[in-house]
Amino acid sequence: MIVPAQAVRIVIATKPVDFRKGHDGLAAVVQNELGLDPHSGVVAVFRSKRGDRIKVLVWDGNGLVLVYKRLEQGRFAWPAIRDGVMRLSQAQFEALFEGLDWRRVHGPRRVRRPAAAE
């Protein structure tokens, strides 16, 4: 998989899409249904109805890149189906793409620094 840069925004379209759609059809979904600019570098992840296939759409600066993956066994872990979009961290995206449960991956914990002593 071509791994997107760390600073890239990664989103999942929670509602399944028609998997006959290609680059342009999915770019239209990103723009019209998700309200995002498909040419901004955002990584958009789409699911099939059965949940065993994903398509990843990203603008790499020169063109739209479409990655398709089908699991031979099992299904991808998905959030509840509803209209809208959900954001993922880089680690969660990598787990999802590998067919793992991304919900078990947590980002780095923020450590609060103690207040300066007066």
Protein backbone atom coordinates (compact mmCIF):
# COMPACT_ATOMS: atom_id res chain seq x y z
CA MET A 1 0.00 0.00 0.00
CA ILE A 2 1.18 3.48 -0.72
CA VAL A 3 1.11 4.95 2.76
CA PRO A 4 -0.10 8.54 2.98
CA ALA A 5 1.99 11.13 4.80
CA GLN A 6 1.51 11.51 8.55
CA ALA A 7 -0.09 14.96 8.26
CA VAL A 8 -2.78 13.82 5.81
CA ARG A 9 -6.42 13.83 6.88
CA ILE A 10 -7.97 10.35 6.62
CA VAL A 11 -11.75 9.93 6.58
CA ILE A 12 -14.16 7.02 6.25
CA ALA A 13 -17.45 7.41 4.44
CA THR A 14 -19.60 5.45 6.89
CA LYS A 15 -22.35 4.69 4.36
CA PRO A 16 -21.58 1.98 1.75
CA VAL A 17 -21.07 3.19 -1.83
CA ASP A 18 -21.73 1.62 -5.22
CA PHE A 19 -18.46 -0.19 -5.94
CA ARG A 20 -18.93 0.20 -9.68
CA LYS A 21 -17.82 3.82 -9.20
CA GLY A 22 -14.31 4.69 -10.26
CA HIS A 23 -12.07 7.70 -9.71
CA ASP A 24 -14.49 10.35 -10.91
CA GLY A 25 -17.58 8.83 -9.30
CA LEU A 26 -15.91 8.55 -5.91
CA ALA A 27 -14.45 12.06 -6.22
CA ALA A 28 -18.02 13.28 -6.78
CA VAL A 29 -19.12 11.44 -3.61
CA VAL A 30 -16.30 13.09 -1.65
CA GLN A 31 -17.32 16.52 -2.91
CA ASN A 32 -21.12 16.29 -3.00
CA GLU A 33 -21.98 13.93 -0.16
CA LEU A 34 -19.08 14.36 2.25
CA GLY A 35 -18.54 18.07 1.64
CA LEU A 36 -14.78 17.71 1.17
CA ASP A 37 -12.42 18.67 -1.64
CA PRO A 38 -11.15 15.48 -3.31
CA HIS A 39 -8.14 17.40 -4.66
CA SER A 40 -6.99 18.62 -1.24
CA GLY A 41 -5.00 15.49 -0.41
CA VAL A 42 -7.63 14.06 1.93
CA VAL A 43 -7.63 10.25 1.99
CA ALA A 44 -11.19 8.98 1.57
CA VAL A 45 -11.98 5.37 2.48
CA PHE A 46 -15.14 3.75 1.11
CA ARG A 47 -16.78 0.46 2.01
CA SER A 48 -18.79 -2.06 0.06
CA LYS A 49 -22.21 -3.25 1.17
CA ARG A 50 -20.86 -6.57 2.45
CA GLY A 51 -17.94 -4.89 4.21
CA ASP A 52 -15.30 -7.19 2.73
CA ARG A 53 -13.97 -4.60 0.24
CA ILE A 54 -12.61 -1.11 0.51
CA LYS A 55 -11.60 1.59 -1.93
CA VAL A 56 -9.20 4.35 -0.95
CA LEU A 57 -9.15 7.57 -2.98
CA VAL A 58 -6.42 10.18 -2.61
CA TRP A 59 -5.04 13.06 -4.67
CA ASP A 60 -1.24 12.73 -4.85
CA GLY A 61 -0.59 16.14 -6.40
CA ASN A 62 -0.60 14.85 -9.98
CA GLY A 63 -3.79 12.83 -10.14
CA LEU A 64 -6.33 10.76 -8.27
CA VAL A 65 -5.05 7.43 -6.95
CA LEU A 66 -7.58 4.65 -6.33
CA VAL A 67 -6.64 1.61 -4.27
CA TYR A 68 -9.00 -1.37 -4.06
CA LYS A 69 -8.68 -4.21 -1.56
CA ARG A 70 -10.80 -7.33 -1.08
CA LEU A 71 -10.35 -9.60 1.91
CA GLU A 72 -10.31 -13.29 1.08
CA GLN A 73 -11.82 -14.14 4.47
CA GLY A 74 -13.76 -12.07 6.96
CA ARG A 75 -14.78 -8.44 6.83
CA PHE A 76 -13.28 -5.08 7.61
CA ALA A 77 -14.24 -3.51 10.95
CA TRP A 78 -16.54 -0.54 10.24
CA PRO A 79 -18.29 2.12 12.27
CA ALA A 80 -22.08 2.06 12.39
CA ILE A 81 -23.70 2.79 9.01
CA ARG A 82 -25.06 6.31 8.80
CA ASP A 83 -24.70 9.34 6.59
CA GLY A 84 -21.53 11.25 7.10
CA VAL A 85 -17.86 10.86 7.59
CA MET A 86 -15.55 9.79 10.40
CA ARG A 87 -11.91 10.71 10.85
CA LEU A 88 -9.15 8.13 11.44
CA SER A 89 -5.58 8.43 12.66
CA GLN A 90 -2.71 7.08 10.56
CA ALA A 91 -2.38 4.05 12.87
CA GLN A 92 -6.12 3.33 12.71
CA PHE A 93 -6.06 3.56 8.91
CA GLU A 94 -3.13 1.14 8.69
CA ALA A 95 -4.94 -1.33 10.97
CA LEU A 96 -8.13 -1.04 8.90
CA PHE A 97 -6.24 -1.59 5.64
CA GLU A 98 -4.61 -4.71 7.08
CA GLY A 99 -8.03 -6.10 8.01
CA LEU A 100 -7.52 -5.58 11.74
CA ASP A 101 -9.97 -3.98 14.15
CA TRP A 102 -8.92 -0.31 13.97
CA ARG A 103 -11.12 0.49 16.99
CA ARG A 104 -8.50 -1.16 19.22
CA VAL A 105 -5.77 1.21 18.02
CA HIS A 106 -5.37 4.33 20.09
CA GLY A 107 -3.37 7.38 19.22
CA PRO A 108 -0.57 8.68 21.36
CA ARG A 109 -1.70 9.68 24.80
CA ARG A 110 -1.21 13.28 25.73
CA VAL A 111 0.74 13.71 28.89
CA ARG A 112 -0.07 16.73 30.97
CA ARG A 113 2.95 18.50 32.27
CA PRO A 114 2.80 19.56 35.88
CA ALA A 115 2.31 23.26 36.47
CA ALA A 116 5.50 25.19 37.13
CA ALA A 117 6.24 25.57 40.83
CA GLU A 118 6.06 29.10 42.05
